[in-house]
Amino acid sequence: MIPENTGPAAVIVLAAGAGTRMKSRTPKILHEIGGRSMVGHALLAARSIEPRQLAIVVRHERDLVAGHVAELDPSAAIVDQDEVPGTGRAVEVALQALDAKEELTGTVVVTYGDVPLLSGGLLAELVATHERDANAVTVLTAVLDDATGYGRILRGEDGTVTGIREHKDSTDAERLIREVNSGIYAFDAAVLREALGKVTTDNAQGEKYLTDVLGLAREAGGRVAAVVTADRWQVEGANDRVQLAALGAELNRRTVEAWMRAGVTVVDPSTTWIDSSVTLDEDVRLLPNTQLHGSTSVARDAVVGPDTTLTDVEVGEGATVIRTHGSGSTIGPRAAVGPFTYLRPGTVLGEKGKIGAFYETKNVTIGRGSKLSHLGYAGDAEIGEDTNIGCGNITANYDGEKKHRTVIGSGVRTGSNTVFVAPVTVGDGAYSGAGAVIRRDVPAGALALSIAAQRNTEGWVPANRPGSRSAELAQAAINNSSSTPASTEEGK
């Protein structure tokens, strides 16, 4: 039997603001930290408490935001805020939309799309306290050294919350209060529904404040309480890029610390950046100036860095990746990459394989034990096992209009500066000479040569570059050679 959902009736995420202080064409909540948009973090936290319904209220850049949310959480309800300003109205339209499906009963949580460090654990604590104490409203609060700009929590002698005063509406005495409203609440659905119908826009901002619900709930005999968090970062929002960067740095600090406690060695946490979506095994070692993004995964005993950035890269057990920039690639167990290597999407390096210094790869599969050691390019290619690609080798895969594929077998040895003009196939065990240009298929076991016999035109430099330093040195060497006895027998 499937257990009944024990989460709240709904979570409403407010994401309608323009975020003008961000000074960006990108909506504020779509800005990223830790490899995920701020609203993406908010959605994960909301879903973690298993609400029966989830709604996102949008307005600014509506289609862009709604499209992003639909990609992240297709089952979330997208609700449009109308012309009436204020958080109270935003929650009201969301509640109306959710009630249209089935009138909500139980707990309704309200949170924001720009509070990216808020955890599901703290939301769960808020809901648990709210329901345990049978509160009408429970507000999440924090105590700040500088409360400027925040709504202040007003408390009665019994410690319950009597109201919230927005900063612009506060008296001088109220502005001395350091306990602030996070804007995150748990409401009884019936209390919220009734109170929102009574909230007006009669305030300094001309907005329908959600905070007014608290006073109305108390007037109706309901209990209003608070959950105070000691972790201010969980309720911090990002209104500009300075705050966004601070939140990003704090999220990364927590992410790196969590991985270290899980058994990952991070040599220099201050220069190591790990996205929230990255996975690492025990005994991974990350060296300074390493960045891991997207769906990157690193297996046990692998070493990554220094000076390495990987995005959506799978690193196998015991592999080493040094001074490399890579994306969309797979590095096999005990393989070696770098230094100064560029892995483009579609690169698959087999077990114990190697891609060395100053190499670029793209859409290439490299078999077990094969080596591309230095100074080359391999694109749109398939390379077998135990093959050694010489220094300076290139797959010439583009004819100006189309990309073509190169297939190189197993056990192949190629000379320095070999060029493979695709489409071309090299059979197992074949060799190429230095400087070969491979335009036709090479049979298994064959030696491919494409250069003419060397011809030396003696005396060319003194004759054609008279007066140059090269000509002077060459003539001196020629003179010295001609004065040397042809045979030591003449001296006997």
Protein backbone atom coordinates (compact mmCIF):
# COMPACT_ATOMS: atom_id res chain seq x y z
CA MET A 1 0.00 0.00 0.00
CA ILE A 2 1.36 3.43 -0.96
CA PRO A 3 1.65 5.69 2.11
CA GLU A 4 -0.44 8.85 2.12
CA ASN A 5 1.41 12.09 1.39
CA THR A 6 2.22 13.76 4.71
CA GLY A 7 3.57 17.00 3.27
CA PRO A 8 1.78 20.38 3.31
CA ALA A 9 -1.25 21.06 1.16
CA ALA A 10 0.75 23.40 -1.06
CA VAL A 11 3.88 25.44 -1.49
CA ILE A 12 3.61 28.80 -3.25
CA VAL A 13 6.84 30.24 -4.65
CA LEU A 14 6.74 33.97 -5.36
CA ALA A 15 8.74 34.80 -8.49
CA ALA A 16 7.01 37.79 -10.08
CA GLY A 17 9.49 40.57 -9.26
CA ALA A 18 11.48 42.48 -11.85
CA GLY A 19 14.73 42.55 -9.89
CA THR A 20 15.76 45.91 -11.34
CA ARG A 21 18.77 46.23 -9.02
CA MET A 22 20.34 43.24 -10.75
CA LYS A 23 20.66 45.48 -13.87
CA SER A 24 20.33 42.57 -16.24
CA ARG A 25 18.31 41.43 -19.23
CA THR A 26 18.08 38.09 -17.45
CA PRO A 27 15.28 37.91 -14.85
CA LYS A 28 16.71 37.97 -11.35
CA ILE A 29 15.53 34.51 -10.34
CA LEU A 30 17.15 32.95 -13.42
CA HIS A 31 20.63 34.05 -12.36
CA GLU A 32 22.68 31.06 -11.25
CA ILE A 33 24.79 30.05 -8.30
CA GLY A 34 26.22 26.60 -7.81
CA GLY A 35 25.28 25.62 -11.36
CA ARG A 36 21.56 26.14 -10.81
CA SER A 37 19.20 29.10 -11.14
CA MET A 38 17.98 30.71 -7.94
CA VAL A 39 14.43 29.59 -8.67
CA GLY A 40 15.81 26.12 -9.37
CA HIS A 41 17.20 25.99 -5.83
CA ALA A 42 13.83 27.23 -4.52
CA LEU A 43 11.93 24.53 -6.41
CA LEU A 44 14.19 21.78 -5.06
CA ALA A 45 13.65 22.96 -1.50
CA ALA A 46 9.91 23.17 -2.06
CA ARG A 47 9.66 19.70 -3.58
CA SER A 48 11.75 18.18 -0.79
CA ILE A 49 8.87 18.62 1.70
CA GLU A 50 6.51 16.79 -0.68
CA PRO A 51 3.63 19.28 -1.05
CA ARG A 52 0.44 18.02 -2.62
CA GLN A 53 0.51 21.04 -4.94
CA LEU A 54 3.22 23.49 -6.01
CA ALA A 55 2.57 26.86 -7.61
CA ILE A 56 4.93 29.51 -9.00
CA VAL A 57 3.68 33.10 -9.30
CA VAL A 58 5.21 34.94 -12.27
CA ARG A 59 4.94 38.32 -13.96
CA HIS A 60 8.21 39.99 -15.07
CA GLU A 61 9.52 38.28 -18.25
CA ARG A 62 6.67 35.86 -17.76
CA ASP A 63 7.28 33.56 -20.73
CA LEU A 64 11.00 33.23 -20.06
CA VAL A 65 10.50 32.41 -16.38
CA ALA A 66 7.56 30.09 -17.03
CA GLY A 67 9.50 28.20 -19.69
CA HIS A 68 12.44 27.70 -17.34
CA VAL A 69 10.19 26.50 -14.51
CA ALA A 70 8.41 24.10 -16.86
CA GLU A 71 11.74 22.53 -17.78
CA LEU A 72 12.72 22.10 -14.14
CA ASP A 73 9.35 21.01 -12.76
CA PRO A 74 6.71 20.26 -15.42
CA SER A 75 4.01 19.51 -12.84
CA ALA A 76 4.31 22.88 -11.07
CA ALA A 77 1.39 25.26 -11.65
CA ILE A 78 2.33 28.55 -13.32
CA VAL A 79 0.18 31.41 -11.96
CA ASP A 80 0.17 34.97 -13.36
CA GLN A 81 0.03 37.91 -10.98
CA ASP A 82 -2.35 40.66 -12.11
CA GLU A 83 -2.01 44.44 -11.93
CA VAL A 84 -2.55 44.64 -8.17
CA PRO A 85 0.91 44.97 -6.57
CA GLY A 86 2.19 43.22 -3.49
CA THR A 87 3.05 39.85 -2.06
CA GLY A 88 -0.42 39.51 -0.58
CA ARG A 89 -1.98 39.70 -4.01
CA ALA A 90 0.59 37.29 -5.44
CA VAL A 91 -0.34 34.69 -2.83
CA GLU A 92 -4.04 35.40 -3.32
CA VAL A 93 -3.99 34.67 -7.07
CA ALA A 94 -1.99 31.51 -6.44
CA LEU A 95 -4.45 30.35 -3.78
CA GLN A 96 -7.36 31.02 -6.12
CA ALA A 97 -5.71 28.99 -8.89
CA LEU A 98 -5.01 26.07 -6.56
CA ASP A 99 -8.49 26.23 -5.03
CA ALA A 100 -9.96 25.99 -8.53
CA LYS A 101 -8.73 22.38 -8.66
CA GLU A 102 -9.79 21.53 -5.12
CA GLU A 103 -10.22 23.84 -2.15
CA LEU A 104 -7.06 23.60 -0.07
CA THR A 105 -7.17 22.45 3.53
CA GLY A 106 -4.19 22.18 5.82
CA THR A 107 -0.85 23.97 5.61
CA VAL A 108 0.16 26.34 2.82
CA VAL A 109 3.84 27.34 2.71
CA VAL A 110 4.89 30.59 1.02
CA THR A 111 8.49 31.10 -0.04
CA TYR A 112 10.51 33.03 -2.65
CA GLY A 113 12.35 32.33 -5.87
CA ASP A 114 15.39 34.40 -4.87
CA VAL A 115 16.34 32.68 -1.59
CA PRO A 116 18.63 30.00 -2.99
CA LEU A 117 20.24 28.70 0.22
CA LEU A 118 16.93 27.87 1.88
CA SER A 119 16.98 24.14 2.65
CA GLY A 120 14.21 21.60 2.63
CA GLY A 121 15.20 20.76 6.19
CA LEU A 122 14.40 24.26 7.43
CA LEU A 123 11.10 24.29 5.53
CA ALA A 124 10.22 20.94 7.09
CA GLU A 125 10.98 22.36 10.56
CA LEU A 126 8.72 25.34 9.83
CA VAL A 127 5.85 23.07 8.78
CA ALA A 128 6.35 20.68 11.71
CA THR A 129 6.30 23.52 14.27
CA HIS A 130 3.29 25.12 12.62
CA GLU A 131 1.24 21.92 12.70
CA ARG A 132 2.42 20.72 16.13
CA ASP A 133 1.42 24.00 17.79
CA ALA A 134 -1.78 24.37 15.73
CA ASN A 135 -0.77 27.87 14.68
CA ALA A 136 -2.79 30.02 12.34
CA VAL A 137 0.44 31.46 10.94
CA THR A 138 4.09 30.59 11.54
CA VAL A 139 6.76 32.89 10.20
CA LEU A 140 10.42 32.06 9.65
CA THR A 141 12.65 34.75 11.15
CA ALA A 142 16.31 35.55 11.68
CA VAL A 143 18.25 37.94 13.91
CA LEU A 144 20.57 40.25 11.97
CA ASP A 145 23.21 42.73 13.08
CA ASP A 146 21.96 45.14 10.40
CA ALA A 147 18.24 44.81 9.77
CA THR A 148 17.98 47.73 7.34
CA GLY A 149 15.38 47.13 4.66
CA TYR A 150 13.76 44.14 6.36
CA GLY A 151 10.32 43.92 7.93
CA ARG A 152 10.58 43.87 11.75
CA ILE A 153 8.99 41.18 13.91
CA LEU A 154 6.70 42.61 16.59
CA ARG A 155 6.15 40.33 19.59
CA GLY A 156 3.78 40.38 22.56
CA GLU A 157 4.64 39.76 26.19
CA ASP A 158 3.87 36.06 25.74
CA GLY A 159 6.42 35.80 22.92
CA THR A 160 3.91 35.30 20.14
CA VAL A 161 4.11 37.43 17.02
CA THR A 162 1.74 40.38 17.05
CA GLY A 163 2.65 41.70 13.63
CA ILE A 164 5.30 42.56 11.07
CA ARG A 165 6.15 46.14 10.22
CA GLU A 166 7.76 46.86 6.84
CA HIS A 167 10.91 48.99 7.14
CA LYS A 168 9.42 52.01 5.37
CA ASP A 169 6.37 51.91 7.63
CA SER A 170 8.33 51.39 10.86
CA THR A 171 8.80 53.90 13.67
CA ASP A 172 12.26 54.78 14.89
CA ALA A 173 11.80 52.47 17.87
CA GLU A 174 10.64 49.60 15.67
CA ARG A 175 13.69 50.01 13.45
CA LEU A 176 15.88 49.10 16.42
CA ILE A 177 14.42 45.60 16.38
CA ARG A 178 16.91 43.08 14.96
CA GLU A 179 14.59 40.12 14.45
CA VAL A 180 13.43 40.27 10.86
CA ASN A 181 10.87 38.67 8.64
CA SER A 182 12.24 36.27 6.02
CA GLY A 183 9.05 36.43 3.98
CA ILE A 184 8.68 32.67 4.37
CA TYR A 185 5.54 31.43 6.11
CA ALA A 186 3.37 28.46 6.95
CA PHE A 187 -0.36 29.33 6.94
CA ASP A 188 -3.51 27.49 7.75
CA ALA A 189 -5.23 27.51 4.35
CA ALA A 190 -8.63 28.63 5.70
CA VAL A 191 -7.07 31.45 7.74
CA LEU A 192 -5.04 32.60 4.75
CA ARG A 193 -8.02 32.54 2.41
CA GLU A 194 -10.24 34.59 4.73
CA ALA A 195 -7.58 37.12 5.70
CA LEU A 196 -6.44 37.83 2.14
CA GLY A 197 -9.99 38.89 1.31
CA LYS A 198 -9.69 41.63 3.92
CA VAL A 199 -6.18 42.91 3.13
CA THR A 200 -6.09 46.39 1.53
CA THR A 201 -3.46 48.52 -0.22
CA ASP A 202 -3.69 51.28 2.40
CA ASN A 203 0.03 51.68 3.17
CA ALA A 204 3.05 53.73 2.13
CA GLN A 205 3.74 51.54 -0.87
CA GLY A 206 0.17 51.12 -2.05
CA GLU A 207 0.66 47.34 -2.05
CA LYS A 208 -1.32 44.41 -0.77
CA TYR A 209 1.02 43.18 1.96
CA LEU A 210 1.08 39.51 2.89
CA THR A 211 2.32 40.58 6.33
CA ASP A 212 -1.12 42.07 7.09
CA VAL A 213 -2.48 38.52 7.23
CA LEU A 214 -0.74 38.03 10.58
CA GLY A 215 -2.65 40.82 12.31
CA LEU A 216 -5.95 39.67 10.83
CA ALA A 217 -5.26 36.11 11.94
CA ARG A 218 -4.67 37.31 15.52
CA GLU A 219 -7.84 39.39 15.47
CA ALA A 220 -9.74 36.25 14.51
CA GLY A 221 -8.30 34.46 17.54
CA GLY A 222 -5.55 32.54 15.77
CA ARG A 223 -2.08 31.96 17.16
CA VAL A 224 0.82 33.56 15.28
CA ALA A 225 4.29 32.28 16.11
CA ALA A 226 7.81 32.25 14.71
CA VAL A 227 10.58 29.79 13.99
CA VAL A 228 13.92 31.58 14.44
CA THR A 229 16.84 30.28 12.41
CA ALA A 230 20.42 30.88 13.48
CA ASP A 231 21.54 30.38 9.88
CA ARG A 232 20.88 33.76 8.31
CA TRP A 233 22.16 32.59 4.92
CA GLN A 234 19.11 30.39 4.48
CA VAL A 235 16.83 33.43 4.44
CA GLU A 236 19.12 35.78 2.51
CA GLY A 237 17.84 36.95 -0.87
CA ALA A 238 19.81 38.32 -3.80
CA ASN A 239 18.71 41.72 -5.03
CA ASP A 240 21.90 42.68 -6.86
CA ARG A 241 25.04 41.03 -8.18
CA VAL A 242 27.01 41.77 -5.02
CA GLN A 243 24.52 39.79 -2.94
CA LEU A 244 24.38 37.10 -5.63
CA ALA A 245 28.16 36.66 -5.48
CA ALA A 246 28.10 36.49 -1.68
CA LEU A 247 25.41 33.81 -1.76
CA GLY A 248 27.33 31.92 -4.42
CA ALA A 249 30.51 31.95 -2.36
CA GLU A 250 28.68 30.77 0.74
CA LEU A 251 26.91 27.99 -1.17
CA ASN A 252 30.23 26.86 -2.61
CA ARG A 253 31.87 26.92 0.83
CA ARG A 254 29.13 24.66 2.14
CA THR A 255 29.30 22.37 -0.88
CA VAL A 256 33.09 21.98 -0.68
CA GLU A 257 32.96 21.41 3.08
CA ALA A 258 30.25 18.76 2.68
CA TRP A 259 32.36 16.85 0.13
CA MET A 260 35.42 17.00 2.36
CA ARG A 261 33.38 15.53 5.22
CA ALA A 262 32.23 12.82 2.80
CA GLY A 263 35.81 11.72 2.13
CA VAL A 264 37.05 13.98 -0.68
CA THR A 265 40.44 15.69 -0.35
CA VAL A 266 40.29 19.35 -1.39
CA VAL A 267 43.78 20.79 -1.17
CA ASP A 268 42.70 24.43 -1.42
CA PRO A 269 38.99 24.97 -0.66
CA SER A 270 39.27 28.70 -1.39
CA THR A 271 40.08 28.10 -5.07
CA THR A 272 37.89 25.04 -5.64
CA TRP A 273 34.36 25.47 -7.03
CA ILE A 274 31.89 22.60 -7.15
CA ASP A 275 28.36 22.86 -8.56
CA SER A 276 25.47 21.48 -6.54
CA SER A 277 24.84 18.85 -9.22
CA VAL A 278 28.37 17.36 -9.18
CA THR A 279 28.98 13.91 -7.64
CA LEU A 280 32.26 12.76 -6.09
CA ASP A 281 33.38 9.45 -4.62
CA GLU A 282 35.49 8.87 -1.53
CA ASP A 283 39.24 9.39 -1.91
CA VAL A 284 38.92 11.75 -4.86
CA ARG A 285 41.65 14.39 -4.72
CA LEU A 286 41.00 17.93 -6.00
CA LEU A 287 44.01 20.20 -6.48
CA PRO A 288 43.99 24.03 -6.43
CA ASN A 289 42.07 26.09 -8.98
CA THR A 290 39.71 23.27 -9.94
CA GLN A 291 36.15 23.93 -11.09
CA LEU A 292 33.60 21.14 -11.49
CA HIS A 293 30.31 22.01 -13.16
CA GLY A 294 27.07 20.50 -14.37
CA SER A 295 26.71 16.72 -14.21
CA THR A 296 30.44 16.10 -13.71
CA SER A 297 31.21 12.96 -11.71
CA VAL A 298 34.58 11.85 -10.36
CA ALA A 299 35.22 8.26 -9.24
CA ARG A 300 37.32 6.96 -6.37
CA ASP A 301 41.07 7.69 -6.30
CA ALA A 302 40.93 10.05 -9.28
CA VAL A 303 43.00 13.24 -9.13
CA VAL A 304 41.72 16.41 -10.79
CA GLY A 305 43.74 19.60 -11.11
CA PRO A 306 45.44 21.85 -10.63
CA ASP A 307 44.02 24.55 -12.94
CA THR A 308 41.26 22.38 -14.36
CA THR A 309 37.67 23.13 -15.40
CA LEU A 310 35.32 20.26 -16.19
CA THR A 311 31.67 20.58 -17.24
CA ASP A 312 29.50 17.47 -17.68
CA VAL A 313 32.57 15.23 -17.63
CA GLU A 314 32.73 11.69 -16.24
CA VAL A 315 36.11 10.88 -14.66
CA GLY A 316 36.84 7.21 -14.04
CA GLU A 317 38.42 5.54 -11.04
CA GLY A 318 42.10 6.33 -10.58
CA ALA A 319 42.24 8.73 -13.54
CA THR A 320 44.36 11.89 -13.51
CA VAL A 321 43.29 15.15 -15.14
CA ILE A 322 45.86 17.95 -15.06
CA ARG A 323 45.46 21.53 -16.34
CA THR A 324 42.59 20.60 -18.61
CA HIS A 325 39.48 22.31 -19.92
CA GLY A 326 36.83 19.76 -20.75
CA SER A 327 33.10 19.42 -21.41
CA GLY A 328 30.71 16.66 -22.38
CA SER A 329 33.42 13.99 -22.19
CA THR A 330 34.21 10.65 -20.57
CA ILE A 331 37.61 9.78 -19.10
CA GLY A 332 38.08 6.09 -18.40
CA PRO A 333 39.54 4.39 -15.33
CA ARG A 334 43.27 4.99 -14.79
CA ALA A 335 43.42 7.20 -17.87
CA ALA A 336 45.61 10.32 -17.98
CA VAL A 337 44.72 13.72 -19.43
CA GLY A 338 46.87 16.83 -19.64
CA PRO A 339 48.53 19.12 -19.05
CA PHE A 340 47.12 21.87 -21.29
CA THR A 341 44.47 19.67 -22.90
CA TYR A 342 41.13 20.71 -24.41
CA LEU A 343 38.40 18.07 -24.34
CA ARG A 344 35.39 19.04 -26.41
CA PRO A 345 32.01 17.30 -26.30
CA GLY A 346 31.89 13.70 -27.46
CA THR A 347 35.40 12.79 -26.32
CA VAL A 348 35.53 9.27 -24.86
CA LEU A 349 38.91 8.12 -23.54
CA GLY A 350 39.20 4.43 -22.70
CA GLU A 351 40.75 2.74 -19.70
CA LYS A 352 44.46 3.50 -19.26
CA GLY A 353 44.35 5.78 -22.29
CA LYS A 354 46.18 9.08 -22.56
CA ILE A 355 45.54 12.49 -24.07
CA GLY A 356 48.60 14.59 -23.44
CA ALA A 357 49.94 18.10 -23.64
CA PHE A 358 48.48 20.65 -26.06
CA TYR A 359 45.94 18.24 -27.53
CA GLU A 360 42.41 19.07 -28.63
CA THR A 361 39.77 16.39 -29.09
CA LYS A 362 36.16 16.43 -30.23
CA ASN A 363 33.64 13.67 -30.95
CA VAL A 364 36.33 11.01 -30.74
CA THR A 365 36.39 7.56 -29.17
CA ILE A 366 39.82 6.40 -27.99
CA GLY A 367 40.25 2.75 -27.07
CA ARG A 368 41.82 1.13 -24.06
CA GLY A 369 45.51 1.91 -23.63
CA SER A 370 45.77 4.19 -26.66
CA LYS A 371 47.83 7.35 -26.46
CA LEU A 372 47.57 10.77 -28.06
CA SER A 373 50.55 12.22 -26.29
CA HIS A 374 51.17 15.74 -27.53
CA LEU A 375 50.58 18.57 -29.98
CA GLY A 376 47.66 17.38 -32.07
CA TYR A 377 43.98 17.38 -32.92
CA ALA A 378 41.58 14.46 -33.13
CA GLY A 379 38.04 15.15 -34.23
CA ASP A 380 35.23 12.98 -35.60
CA ALA A 381 37.39 9.91 -35.17
CA GLU A 382 37.48 6.40 -33.77
CA ILE A 383 40.78 5.03 -32.47
CA GLY A 384 41.21 1.42 -31.42
CA GLU A 385 43.08 -0.11 -28.51
CA ASP A 386 46.82 0.10 -27.77
CA THR A 387 47.42 2.58 -30.57
CA ASN A 388 50.10 5.27 -30.34
CA ILE A 389 49.40 8.50 -32.20
CA GLY A 390 52.63 10.39 -32.80
CA CYS A 391 53.49 13.99 -32.02
CA GLY A 392 51.72 16.58 -34.17
CA ASN A 393 49.13 14.23 -35.69
CA ILE A 394 45.91 15.76 -37.03
CA THR A 395 42.63 14.39 -38.31
CA ALA A 396 41.62 16.76 -41.10
CA ASN A 397 37.89 16.19 -40.68
CA TYR A 398 36.38 19.23 -42.42
CA ASP A 399 36.31 19.74 -46.17
CA GLY A 400 34.81 23.23 -45.96
CA GLU A 401 31.22 22.02 -46.07
CA LYS A 402 30.94 18.69 -44.26
CA LYS A 403 32.63 16.84 -41.40
CA HIS A 404 34.08 13.40 -42.21
CA ARG A 405 35.21 10.55 -39.99
CA THR A 406 38.60 8.94 -39.47
CA VAL A 407 38.85 5.35 -38.25
CA ILE A 408 42.20 4.16 -36.89
CA GLY A 409 42.50 0.54 -35.77
CA SER A 410 44.17 -1.12 -32.81
CA GLY A 411 47.93 -1.50 -32.41
CA VAL A 412 48.62 1.31 -34.89
CA ARG A 413 51.81 3.41 -34.71
CA THR A 414 51.85 6.75 -36.49
CA GLY A 415 54.89 8.89 -37.17
CA SER A 416 55.22 12.52 -36.17
CA ASN A 417 53.19 15.07 -38.13
CA THR A 418 50.92 12.54 -39.79
CA VAL A 419 47.75 14.06 -41.25
CA PHE A 420 44.65 11.91 -41.80
CA VAL A 421 42.49 13.45 -44.54
CA ALA A 422 39.01 12.14 -43.71
CA PRO A 423 37.16 10.05 -44.61
CA VAL A 424 39.91 7.49 -44.24
CA THR A 425 40.48 4.18 -42.46
CA VAL A 426 43.75 2.80 -41.08
CA GLY A 427 43.81 -0.94 -40.40
CA ASP A 428 45.02 -2.74 -37.29
CA GLY A 429 48.77 -2.84 -36.74
CA ALA A 430 49.54 -0.34 -39.52
CA TYR A 431 52.35 2.24 -39.36
CA SER A 432 52.81 5.65 -40.93
CA GLY A 433 56.06 7.45 -41.61
CA ALA A 434 56.86 10.90 -40.25
CA GLY A 435 55.13 13.66 -42.20
CA ALA A 436 52.76 11.27 -44.00
CA VAL A 437 49.54 12.66 -45.45
CA ILE A 438 47.05 9.77 -45.41
CA ARG A 439 44.48 10.32 -48.15
CA ARG A 440 43.61 6.70 -48.87
CA ASP A 441 42.79 3.74 -46.65
CA VAL A 442 45.79 1.94 -45.15
CA PRO A 443 45.51 -1.88 -44.98
CA ALA A 444 46.22 -3.72 -41.73
CA GLY A 445 49.94 -4.13 -41.13
CA ALA A 446 50.97 -1.75 -43.94
CA LEU A 447 53.48 1.10 -43.76
CA ALA A 448 52.08 4.31 -45.22
CA LEU A 449 54.54 6.80 -46.73
CA SER A 450 53.60 9.83 -48.78
CA ILE A 451 56.79 11.89 -49.07
CA ALA A 452 59.29 12.08 -51.94
CA ALA A 453 62.93 11.12 -51.49
CA GLN A 454 64.98 13.86 -49.86
CA ARG A 455 67.07 15.99 -52.28
CA ASN A 456 69.88 18.33 -51.10
CA THR A 457 70.93 21.28 -53.30
CA GLU A 458 74.43 21.95 -52.05
CA GLY A 459 75.63 25.56 -51.80
CA TRP A 460 72.08 26.95 -52.19
CA VAL A 461 72.22 29.27 -49.15
CA PRO A 462 75.53 31.07 -49.93
CA ALA A 463 74.42 31.43 -53.54
CA ASN A 464 70.88 32.66 -52.85
CA ARG A 465 71.23 34.47 -49.51
CA PRO A 466 74.57 36.29 -49.86
CA GLY A 467 75.49 38.53 -46.97
CA SER A 468 73.18 36.82 -44.50
CA ARG A 469 74.39 35.34 -41.23
CA SER A 470 73.26 31.92 -42.46
CA ALA A 471 75.32 32.31 -45.63
CA GLU A 472 78.39 33.35 -43.63
CA LEU A 473 78.17 30.37 -41.29
CA ALA A 474 77.41 27.96 -44.12
CA GLN A 475 80.38 29.15 -46.19
CA ALA A 476 82.68 28.85 -43.20
CA ALA A 477 81.51 25.30 -42.61
CA ILE A 478 81.97 24.46 -46.31
CA ASN A 479 85.48 25.91 -46.33
CA ASN A 480 86.37 24.02 -43.17
CA SER A 481 85.06 20.78 -44.62
CA SER A 482 87.01 21.17 -47.87
CA SER A 483 90.29 21.79 -45.98
CA THR A 484 89.94 18.65 -43.86
CA PRO A 485 92.02 15.65 -45.15
CA ALA A 486 89.82 13.09 -46.87
CA SER A 487 91.64 10.22 -45.13
CA THR A 488 93.79 9.93 -42.06
CA GLU A 489 96.01 7.60 -44.10
CA GLU A 490 97.63 10.69 -45.74
CA GLY A 491 99.11 11.73 -42.38
CA LYS A 492 101.02 8.47 -41.93
